[in-house]
Amino acid sequence: MKHWRLSIHGALDAPLNMAIDETLWESVRSGVSLPSIRFYSWYPASFSIGRFQKPDSLLDLDACARSGIRVVRRMTGGGAIYHNNEITYSLACPLEILGVSSVKDGYRKLTGFILNSYRKLGLDADYIGRKTGEKTSAYCFSGLEEYDIAIDGKKIGGNAQRIMGGIVFQHGSIPISIAHDDYAKYLKPDVEHQMENFTSLSRHLNPMPDTGDLVEVLIESFSETMCAELDDTDLSRDEWELAERLVFEKYSADEWNTGISQTRAEVIR
């Protein structure tokens, strides 16, 4: 059994959520923390965009601002995600403890606990795979990658990974419900986001478990899938201070969130 740290947070705003995620990576990288997994949610509703996306080509930023929809850039790549009624996880661990020979194998192993969670809930879930020549989408839920998960043939949620300094960082969305009218008005007209391409838990579970019960299923599945013993430990005072500094210096800054990002060569470590 490997020891992991478990942190559970309620609904936090977008800059703080992304700052805590980066703090977890830094704590594991520096040896301050055990490998870590965290579960959380978002308030107010927000868009997170991939590390290399240009938000003004995807989103009506004025409409987002008028409605109080936060827009934040993630430290990972991938497509834009609308975060509202969902559970989000993030995790950080040394690559070596995964015991895999490739990045793809690591991605499959780390998403395995989500797949098993859906199956524990009685859902027909499996990896959907990506068809040859199929295009990705700027909106994460509409794109298909090799180890995306589908329920009854429709994609559910999305995951993004980055490896920095020998540490795997990954986070992803587990949507409880998605209302087309809630998010579509903030996307540019040419952004692919057909509702028939993706789904959420509320479309398949009746009755719908409460959020706390869903998190317990995810925790149990993670422990079983990863052979992990989980220590329920929140962030230390130093970690909270780092997260707050990252909120101020990075994740609340327009330069980071909506400005031009660094080139790929500058961020590969």
Protein backbone atom coordinates (compact mmCIF):
# COMPACT_ATOMS: atom_id res chain seq x y z
CA MET A 1 0.00 0.00 0.00
CA LYS A 2 1.25 3.46 -0.91
CA HIS A 3 0.46 6.38 1.39
CA TRP A 4 -1.30 9.34 -0.22
CA ARG A 5 -2.57 12.57 1.27
CA LEU A 6 -6.29 13.24 0.85
CA SER A 7 -7.74 16.76 0.96
CA ILE A 8 -11.43 17.58 0.56
CA HIS A 9 -12.54 21.14 -0.06
CA GLY A 10 -15.96 22.60 -0.72
CA ALA A 11 -16.81 25.17 -3.35
CA LEU A 12 -13.99 27.67 -3.92
CA ASP A 13 -13.53 30.31 -6.60
CA ALA A 14 -11.56 29.62 -9.76
CA PRO A 15 -8.29 31.44 -8.90
CA LEU A 16 -8.03 29.75 -5.50
CA ASN A 17 -8.81 26.31 -6.91
CA MET A 18 -6.07 26.59 -9.51
CA ALA A 19 -3.64 28.05 -6.99
CA ILE A 20 -4.21 25.13 -4.60
CA ASP A 21 -3.69 22.69 -7.45
CA GLU A 22 -0.33 24.24 -8.25
CA THR A 23 0.55 24.26 -4.55
CA LEU A 24 -0.10 20.52 -4.36
CA TRP A 25 2.28 19.93 -7.26
CA GLU A 26 4.94 22.12 -5.63
CA SER A 27 4.59 20.38 -2.25
CA VAL A 28 5.03 16.94 -3.80
CA ARG A 29 7.89 18.13 -6.00
CA SER A 30 9.77 19.63 -3.06
CA GLY A 31 9.20 16.57 -0.86
CA VAL A 32 7.08 18.47 1.66
CA SER A 33 4.04 16.31 0.98
CA LEU A 34 3.10 12.73 0.26
CA PRO A 35 1.56 12.05 -3.13
CA SER A 36 -1.73 13.94 -2.95
CA ILE A 37 -5.28 13.73 -4.19
CA ARG A 38 -7.84 16.46 -3.68
CA PHE A 39 -11.60 16.76 -4.32
CA TYR A 40 -13.33 20.12 -4.67
CA SER A 41 -15.98 22.15 -6.47
CA TRP A 42 -16.40 25.67 -7.89
CA TYR A 43 -18.33 28.82 -6.99
CA PRO A 44 -19.18 30.93 -8.83
CA ALA A 45 -19.50 29.03 -12.12
CA SER A 46 -16.30 29.35 -14.11
CA PHE A 47 -14.48 28.44 -17.28
CA SER A 48 -11.00 26.98 -17.05
CA ILE A 49 -9.00 27.11 -20.26
CA GLY A 50 -6.05 25.01 -21.34
CA ARG A 51 -2.50 26.23 -20.93
CA PHE A 52 -2.09 27.15 -24.61
CA GLN A 53 -5.59 28.33 -25.49
CA LYS A 54 -6.53 31.88 -26.42
CA PRO A 55 -9.65 32.69 -24.41
CA ASP A 56 -10.85 35.51 -26.65
CA SER A 57 -11.08 33.04 -29.55
CA LEU A 58 -13.23 30.66 -27.47
CA LEU A 59 -15.28 32.80 -25.12
CA ASP A 60 -17.31 35.99 -25.12
CA LEU A 61 -15.30 37.52 -22.30
CA ASP A 62 -17.61 40.54 -21.98
CA ALA A 63 -20.62 38.25 -21.50
CA CYS A 64 -18.69 36.24 -18.92
CA ALA A 65 -17.80 39.41 -17.02
CA ARG A 66 -21.39 40.69 -17.07
CA SER A 67 -22.66 37.42 -15.60
CA GLY A 68 -19.89 37.03 -13.03
CA ILE A 69 -18.45 33.94 -14.77
CA ARG A 70 -14.80 33.60 -13.84
CA VAL A 71 -12.24 32.67 -16.50
CA VAL A 72 -8.99 31.09 -15.33
CA ARG A 73 -6.08 29.48 -17.16
CA ARG A 74 -5.01 26.04 -15.95
CA MET A 75 -1.43 24.87 -15.58
CA THR A 76 -2.36 21.93 -17.85
CA GLY A 77 -3.25 21.79 -21.52
CA GLY A 78 -6.44 20.60 -23.16
CA GLY A 79 -9.72 22.32 -23.97
CA ALA A 80 -11.97 24.75 -22.14
CA ILE A 81 -14.25 23.39 -19.41
CA TYR A 82 -17.34 24.99 -17.90
CA HIS A 83 -17.29 24.24 -14.15
CA ASN A 84 -20.59 24.47 -12.37
CA ASN A 85 -22.41 21.49 -10.83
CA GLU A 86 -19.54 19.03 -10.64
CA ILE A 87 -16.91 17.30 -8.54
CA THR A 88 -13.33 18.04 -9.55
CA TYR A 89 -10.28 16.07 -8.53
CA SER A 90 -6.60 16.92 -8.71
CA LEU A 91 -3.62 14.75 -7.89
CA ALA A 92 0.16 14.95 -7.84
CA CYS A 93 2.66 12.12 -7.48
CA PRO A 94 6.17 11.14 -8.56
CA LEU A 95 6.08 9.47 -11.96
CA GLU A 96 8.16 6.57 -10.65
CA ILE A 97 5.54 5.37 -8.17
CA LEU A 98 3.04 4.66 -10.95
CA GLY A 99 5.15 1.77 -12.23
CA VAL A 100 4.35 2.45 -15.88
CA SER A 101 6.53 2.64 -18.97
CA SER A 102 4.85 5.51 -20.81
CA VAL A 103 2.89 8.71 -20.26
CA LYS A 104 -0.18 7.12 -21.85
CA ASP A 105 -0.02 4.17 -19.48
CA GLY A 106 0.22 6.60 -16.57
CA TYR A 107 -2.80 8.52 -17.81
CA ARG A 108 -4.81 5.34 -18.10
CA LYS A 109 -3.79 4.22 -14.63
CA LEU A 110 -4.70 7.55 -13.03
CA THR A 111 -8.08 7.74 -14.74
CA GLY A 112 -8.83 4.16 -13.77
CA PHE A 113 -10.28 5.17 -10.42
CA ILE A 114 -12.87 7.37 -12.15
CA LEU A 115 -13.88 4.57 -14.49
CA ASN A 116 -14.22 2.20 -11.53
CA SER A 117 -16.24 4.79 -9.62
CA TYR A 118 -18.79 4.98 -12.41
CA ARG A 119 -19.02 1.21 -12.49
CA LYS A 120 -19.55 1.12 -8.71
CA LEU A 121 -22.51 3.42 -9.32
CA GLY A 122 -23.93 0.82 -11.71
CA LEU A 123 -23.14 2.71 -14.91
CA ASP A 124 -22.05 1.25 -18.24
CA ALA A 125 -18.74 3.10 -18.40
CA ASP A 126 -15.63 2.40 -20.44
CA TYR A 127 -12.80 4.13 -22.26
CA ILE A 128 -14.19 5.50 -25.48
CA GLY A 129 -10.96 5.71 -27.49
CA ARG A 130 -10.26 8.15 -30.27
CA LYS A 131 -11.00 7.31 -33.88
CA THR A 132 -8.27 7.76 -36.46
CA GLY A 133 -8.36 11.21 -38.00
CA GLU A 134 -10.92 12.53 -35.53
CA LYS A 135 -10.43 16.19 -34.62
CA THR A 136 -10.16 17.47 -31.09
CA SER A 137 -12.39 20.29 -29.89
CA ALA A 138 -11.57 23.58 -28.19
CA TYR A 139 -14.35 22.71 -25.73
CA CYS A 140 -13.09 19.76 -23.71
CA PHE A 141 -16.32 17.81 -23.32
CA SER A 142 -16.86 17.70 -27.10
CA GLY A 143 -13.40 16.32 -27.95
CA LEU A 144 -12.33 12.69 -27.78
CA GLU A 145 -8.95 11.43 -26.65
CA GLU A 146 -7.70 7.88 -26.27
CA TYR A 147 -8.46 7.46 -22.58
CA ASP A 148 -11.56 9.62 -22.24
CA ILE A 149 -14.40 7.86 -20.44
CA ALA A 150 -17.88 7.36 -21.86
CA ILE A 151 -21.17 6.24 -20.37
CA ASP A 152 -23.49 4.55 -22.86
CA GLY A 153 -21.25 5.83 -25.66
CA LYS A 154 -21.21 9.50 -24.61
CA LYS A 155 -18.19 11.24 -23.13
CA ILE A 156 -18.42 12.27 -19.49
CA GLY A 157 -16.09 14.89 -18.06
CA GLY A 158 -12.51 15.46 -19.06
CA ASN A 159 -8.99 15.15 -17.67
CA ALA A 160 -5.72 16.98 -18.25
CA GLN A 161 -2.19 16.01 -17.26
CA ARG A 162 1.22 17.61 -17.10
CA ILE A 163 4.57 16.22 -15.99
CA MET A 164 6.96 18.72 -14.44
CA GLY A 165 10.13 18.05 -12.52
CA GLY A 166 9.43 14.32 -12.46
CA ILE A 167 6.01 14.90 -10.87
CA VAL A 168 2.78 13.91 -12.57
CA PHE A 169 0.02 16.45 -12.04
CA GLN A 170 -3.49 15.64 -13.23
CA HIS A 171 -6.93 17.09 -12.66
CA GLY A 172 -10.34 16.43 -14.11
CA SER A 173 -14.06 17.11 -14.06
CA ILE A 174 -16.84 14.75 -12.97
CA PRO A 175 -20.03 16.54 -14.07
CA ILE A 176 -23.12 16.02 -11.98
CA SER A 177 -25.28 17.97 -14.42
CA ILE A 178 -24.70 20.14 -17.49
CA ALA A 179 -27.35 22.55 -18.79
CA HIS A 180 -26.75 23.69 -22.37
CA ASP A 181 -28.27 27.12 -21.72
CA ASP A 182 -25.96 27.68 -18.74
CA TYR A 183 -22.75 27.74 -20.74
CA ALA A 184 -23.45 27.94 -24.50
CA LYS A 185 -24.16 31.67 -24.47
CA TYR A 186 -20.57 32.32 -23.36
CA LEU A 187 -18.93 30.34 -26.19
CA LYS A 188 -18.03 31.84 -29.54
CA PRO A 189 -20.39 30.60 -32.30
CA ASP A 190 -17.81 28.40 -34.04
CA VAL A 191 -16.76 26.47 -30.90
CA GLU A 192 -17.86 22.82 -31.08
CA HIS A 193 -20.10 21.96 -28.13
CA GLN A 194 -22.96 19.70 -29.25
CA MET A 195 -24.80 18.35 -26.24
CA GLU A 196 -25.30 15.00 -27.93
CA ASN A 197 -21.55 14.37 -27.69
CA PHE A 198 -21.33 14.36 -23.90
CA THR A 199 -23.28 13.51 -20.78
CA SER A 200 -23.42 13.90 -17.00
CA LEU A 201 -24.26 11.75 -13.99
CA SER A 202 -27.76 13.19 -13.55
CA ARG A 203 -28.77 11.75 -16.93
CA HIS A 204 -28.04 8.21 -15.78
CA LEU A 205 -28.63 8.05 -12.01
CA ASN A 206 -32.10 8.11 -10.50
CA PRO A 207 -32.22 8.80 -7.66
CA MET A 208 -29.14 11.00 -7.77
CA PRO A 209 -26.77 10.47 -4.80
CA ASP A 210 -25.75 13.58 -2.93
CA THR A 211 -22.32 15.06 -3.55
CA GLY A 212 -20.86 13.74 -0.30
CA ASP A 213 -21.82 10.17 -1.20
CA LEU A 214 -20.31 10.56 -4.68
CA VAL A 215 -17.04 11.79 -3.18
CA GLU A 216 -16.99 8.76 -0.87
CA VAL A 217 -17.36 6.45 -3.88
CA LEU A 218 -14.47 8.25 -5.61
CA ILE A 219 -12.28 7.98 -2.51
CA GLU A 220 -13.02 4.27 -2.09
CA SER A 221 -12.35 3.63 -5.76
CA PHE A 222 -9.08 5.57 -5.69
CA SER A 223 -7.85 3.61 -2.69
CA GLU A 224 -8.70 0.28 -4.34
CA THR A 225 -7.48 1.14 -7.85
CA MET A 226 -4.20 2.72 -6.75
CA CYS A 227 -3.60 0.39 -3.76
CA ALA A 228 -3.41 3.56 -1.69
CA GLU A 229 -3.78 4.24 2.00
CA LEU A 230 -5.21 7.74 2.33
CA ASP A 231 -4.27 10.16 5.11
CA ASP A 232 -6.95 12.84 5.48
CA THR A 233 -4.82 15.97 5.83
CA ASP A 234 -5.58 19.52 4.79
CA LEU A 235 -3.02 22.03 3.53
CA SER A 236 -0.49 23.33 6.01
CA ARG A 237 -0.22 27.01 6.89
CA ASP A 238 2.76 27.36 4.54
CA GLU A 239 0.79 25.75 1.74
CA TRP A 240 -2.19 28.06 2.26
CA GLU A 241 0.19 31.02 2.18
CA LEU A 242 1.70 29.81 -1.11
CA ALA A 243 -1.78 29.29 -2.58
CA GLU A 244 -2.84 32.80 -1.57
CA ARG A 245 0.32 34.23 -3.12
CA LEU A 246 -0.35 32.34 -6.36
CA VAL A 247 -3.91 33.72 -6.40
CA PHE A 248 -2.60 37.27 -6.16
CA GLU A 249 0.41 36.95 -8.44
CA LYS A 250 -0.91 34.55 -11.08
CA TYR A 251 -4.43 33.16 -11.10
CA SER A 252 -6.21 36.48 -10.55
CA ALA A 253 -3.99 38.27 -13.07
CA ASP A 254 -5.35 39.12 -16.51
CA GLU A 255 -1.85 38.64 -17.93
CA TRP A 256 -2.01 34.96 -17.01
CA ASN A 257 -5.70 34.24 -17.51
CA THR A 258 -6.51 36.07 -20.71
CA GLY A 259 -3.17 37.29 -22.04
CA ILE A 260 -0.79 35.56 -24.41
CA SER A 261 0.77 32.55 -22.73
CA GLN A 262 4.38 31.52 -22.88
CA THR A 263 5.59 29.44 -25.79
CA ARG A 264 5.63 25.69 -25.37
CA ALA A 265 9.44 25.68 -25.25
CA GLU A 266 9.38 27.96 -22.20
CA VAL A 267 7.16 25.70 -20.12
CA ILE A 268 8.59 22.28 -20.85
CA ARG A 269 10.84 21.31 -17.95
